[in-house]
Amino acid sequence: MASRTARDWLIWYFRQPFRLIVWFMETFARNRERLKEFASRKGVAATIKSVFILTFFVWLGIFAFLSTDEAGDRFTCVAKSLWPGAEVTSECAPQPWQDAPPKP
């Protein structure tokens, strides 16, 4: 009887990860359907898209203008070169899309 209980417990123990994965997949599928219904409402999809785009540009600004390490400086130079009014320091290498600096 004890071996039967241990065997049943082992089967139960090794099935749990698979049950958890199935539960996550079912929950993901349900939430995806709910999101699809929600996004199909008038104006909701455009609002969600606008929020994502705005968030992207906010993070781009944070990385471009506030990063200070070496890789961040390189990214900052590239990002600042995209805006004509941004101050680009002399240590920034000219980017391919920028006009060549005037020769003295």
C-alpha atoms as a PDB file:
ATOM      1  CA  MET A   1       0.000   0.000   0.000  1.00  0.00           C
ATOM      2  CA  ALA A   2       2.825   2.408   0.823  1.00  0.00           C
ATOM      3  CA  SER A   3       4.485   1.855  -2.562  1.00  0.00           C
ATOM      4  CA  ARG A   4       1.199   2.571  -4.303  1.00  0.00           C
ATOM      5  CA  THR A   5       0.901   5.868  -2.445  1.00  0.00           C
ATOM      6  CA  ALA A   6       4.499   6.824  -3.252  1.00  0.00           C
ATOM      7  CA  ARG A   7       3.946   5.905  -6.912  1.00  0.00           C
ATOM      8  CA  ASP A   8       0.776   7.982  -7.073  1.00  0.00           C
ATOM      9  CA  TRP A   9       2.542  10.871  -5.377  1.00  0.00           C
ATOM     10  CA  LEU A  10       5.424  10.717  -7.877  1.00  0.00           C
ATOM     11  CA  ILE A  11       3.008  10.702 -10.807  1.00  0.00           C
ATOM     12  CA  TRP A  12       1.166  13.648  -9.306  1.00  0.00           C
ATOM     13  CA  TYR A  13       4.466  15.454  -8.626  1.00  0.00           C
ATOM     14  CA  PHE A  14       5.779  15.098 -12.175  1.00  0.00           C
ATOM     15  CA  ARG A  15       2.444  16.088 -13.785  1.00  0.00           C
ATOM     16  CA  GLN A  16       2.245  19.410 -11.956  1.00  0.00           C
ATOM     17  CA  PRO A  17       4.635  21.367 -14.227  1.00  0.00           C
ATOM     18  CA  PHE A  18       2.645  20.290 -17.278  1.00  0.00           C
ATOM     19  CA  ARG A  19      -0.632  21.269 -15.637  1.00  0.00           C
ATOM     20  CA  LEU A  20       0.846  24.641 -14.760  1.00  0.00           C
ATOM     21  CA  ILE A  21       2.014  25.190 -18.345  1.00  0.00           C
ATOM     22  CA  VAL A  22      -1.443  24.274 -19.666  1.00  0.00           C
ATOM     23  CA  TRP A  23      -3.042  26.668 -17.173  1.00  0.00           C
ATOM     24  CA  PHE A  24      -0.749  29.504 -18.308  1.00  0.00           C
ATOM     25  CA  MET A  25      -1.483  28.800 -21.964  1.00  0.00           C
ATOM     26  CA  GLU A  26      -5.265  28.731 -21.382  1.00  0.00           C
ATOM     27  CA  THR A  27      -5.097  31.955 -19.369  1.00  0.00           C
ATOM     28  CA  PHE A  28      -2.982  33.601 -22.079  1.00  0.00           C
ATOM     29  CA  ALA A  29      -5.457  32.542 -24.784  1.00  0.00           C
ATOM     30  CA  ARG A  30      -8.423  33.866 -22.787  1.00  0.00           C
ATOM     31  CA  ASN A  31      -6.710  37.177 -22.100  1.00  0.00           C
ATOM     32  CA  ARG A  32      -5.737  37.505 -25.750  1.00  0.00           C
ATOM     33  CA  GLU A  33      -9.379  37.047 -26.778  1.00  0.00           C
ATOM     34  CA  ARG A  34     -10.477  39.616 -24.198  1.00  0.00           C
ATOM     35  CA  LEU A  35      -7.892  42.074 -25.484  1.00  0.00           C
ATOM     36  CA  LYS A  36      -9.009  41.486 -29.067  1.00  0.00           C
ATOM     37  CA  GLU A  37     -12.619  42.250 -28.089  1.00  0.00           C
ATOM     38  CA  PHE A  38     -11.533  45.322 -26.128  1.00  0.00           C
ATOM     39  CA  ALA A  39      -9.347  46.638 -28.967  1.00  0.00           C
ATOM     40  CA  SER A  40     -12.157  46.214 -31.474  1.00  0.00           C
ATOM     41  CA  ARG A  41     -14.132  48.967 -29.741  1.00  0.00           C
ATOM     42  CA  LYS A  42     -14.222  52.302 -31.508  1.00  0.00           C
ATOM     43  CA  GLY A  43     -11.195  54.430 -30.689  1.00  0.00           C
ATOM     44  CA  VAL A  44      -9.581  51.982 -28.278  1.00  0.00           C
ATOM     45  CA  ALA A  45      -7.078  50.586 -30.789  1.00  0.00           C
ATOM     46  CA  ALA A  46      -5.950  54.075 -31.790  1.00  0.00           C
ATOM     47  CA  THR A  47      -5.569  55.067 -28.131  1.00  0.00           C
ATOM     48  CA  ILE A  48      -3.504  51.972 -27.319  1.00  0.00           C
ATOM     49  CA  LYS A  49      -1.303  52.552 -30.358  1.00  0.00           C
ATOM     50  CA  SER A  50      -0.824  56.206 -29.422  1.00  0.00           C
ATOM     51  CA  VAL A  51       0.159  55.294 -25.865  1.00  0.00           C
ATOM     52  CA  PHE A  52       2.747  52.792 -27.125  1.00  0.00           C
ATOM     53  CA  ILE A  53       4.216  55.283 -29.595  1.00  0.00           C
ATOM     54  CA  LEU A  54       4.338  58.041 -26.974  1.00  0.00           C
ATOM     55  CA  THR A  55       6.025  55.667 -24.512  1.00  0.00           C
ATOM     56  CA  PHE A  56       8.579  54.713 -27.164  1.00  0.00           C
ATOM     57  CA  PHE A  57       9.510  58.337 -27.793  1.00  0.00           C
ATOM     58  CA  VAL A  58       9.709  59.111 -24.069  1.00  0.00           C
ATOM     59  CA  TRP A  59      12.139  56.218 -23.541  1.00  0.00           C
ATOM     60  CA  LEU A  60      14.072  57.243 -26.641  1.00  0.00           C
ATOM     61  CA  GLY A  61      14.451  60.707 -25.157  1.00  0.00           C
ATOM     62  CA  ILE A  62      15.576  59.293 -21.831  1.00  0.00           C
ATOM     63  CA  PHE A  63      18.213  57.115 -23.462  1.00  0.00           C
ATOM     64  CA  ALA A  64      19.315  59.800 -25.887  1.00  0.00           C
ATOM     65  CA  PHE A  65      19.700  62.722 -23.524  1.00  0.00           C
ATOM     66  CA  LEU A  66      20.334  61.224 -20.102  1.00  0.00           C
ATOM     67  CA  SER A  67      22.695  58.295 -20.705  1.00  0.00           C
ATOM     68  CA  THR A  68      26.301  58.960 -19.731  1.00  0.00           C
ATOM     69  CA  ASP A  69      28.389  55.797 -20.212  1.00  0.00           C
ATOM     70  CA  GLU A  70      30.495  55.197 -23.324  1.00  0.00           C
ATOM     71  CA  ALA A  71      27.891  53.215 -25.283  1.00  0.00           C
ATOM     72  CA  GLY A  72      25.247  55.684 -24.164  1.00  0.00           C
ATOM     73  CA  ASP A  73      27.319  58.589 -25.403  1.00  0.00           C
ATOM     74  CA  ARG A  74      27.543  56.999 -28.828  1.00  0.00           C
ATOM     75  CA  PHE A  75      23.782  56.464 -28.855  1.00  0.00           C
ATOM     76  CA  THR A  76      23.272  60.028 -27.650  1.00  0.00           C
ATOM     77  CA  CYS A  77      25.329  61.387 -30.548  1.00  0.00           C
ATOM     78  CA  VAL A  78      23.315  59.379 -33.063  1.00  0.00           C
ATOM     79  CA  ALA A  79      19.963  60.323 -31.524  1.00  0.00           C
ATOM     80  CA  LYS A  80      20.851  64.011 -31.266  1.00  0.00           C
ATOM     81  CA  SER A  81      21.974  64.026 -34.897  1.00  0.00           C
ATOM     82  CA  LEU A  82      18.399  63.184 -35.909  1.00  0.00           C
ATOM     83  CA  TRP A  83      17.121  66.524 -34.553  1.00  0.00           C
ATOM     84  CA  PRO A  84      18.469  69.557 -36.416  1.00  0.00           C
ATOM     85  CA  GLY A  85      18.096  71.894 -33.431  1.00  0.00           C
ATOM     86  CA  ALA A  86      19.838  69.629 -30.913  1.00  0.00           C
ATOM     87  CA  GLU A  87      23.287  70.625 -29.789  1.00  0.00           C
ATOM     88  CA  VAL A  88      25.802  68.054 -31.018  1.00  0.00           C
ATOM     89  CA  THR A  89      29.146  68.225 -29.262  1.00  0.00           C
ATOM     90  CA  SER A  90      32.412  68.222 -31.165  1.00  0.00           C
ATOM     91  CA  GLU A  91      33.395  64.794 -29.828  1.00  0.00           C
ATOM     92  CA  CYS A  92      30.495  63.225 -31.739  1.00  0.00           C
ATOM     93  CA  ALA A  93      31.524  61.690 -35.041  1.00  0.00           C
ATOM     94  CA  PRO A  94      29.520  62.941 -38.038  1.00  0.00           C
ATOM     95  CA  GLN A  95      26.773  60.543 -39.052  1.00  0.00           C
ATOM     96  CA  PRO A  96      26.321  59.388 -42.670  1.00  0.00           C
ATOM     97  CA  TRP A  97      23.020  61.256 -43.040  1.00  0.00           C
ATOM     98  CA  GLN A  98      24.449  64.553 -41.790  1.00  0.00           C
ATOM     99  CA  ASP A  99      25.986  67.183 -44.013  1.00  0.00           C
ATOM    100  CA  ALA A 100      29.764  67.170 -43.964  1.00  0.00           C
ATOM    101  CA  PRO A 101      31.139  69.937 -41.767  1.00  0.00           C
ATOM    102  CA  PRO A 102      32.510  72.880 -43.721  1.00  0.00           C
ATOM    103  CA  LYS A 103      36.264  72.705 -44.339  1.00  0.00           C
ATOM    104  CA  PRO A 104      38.272  75.723 -43.137  1.00  0.00           C
END
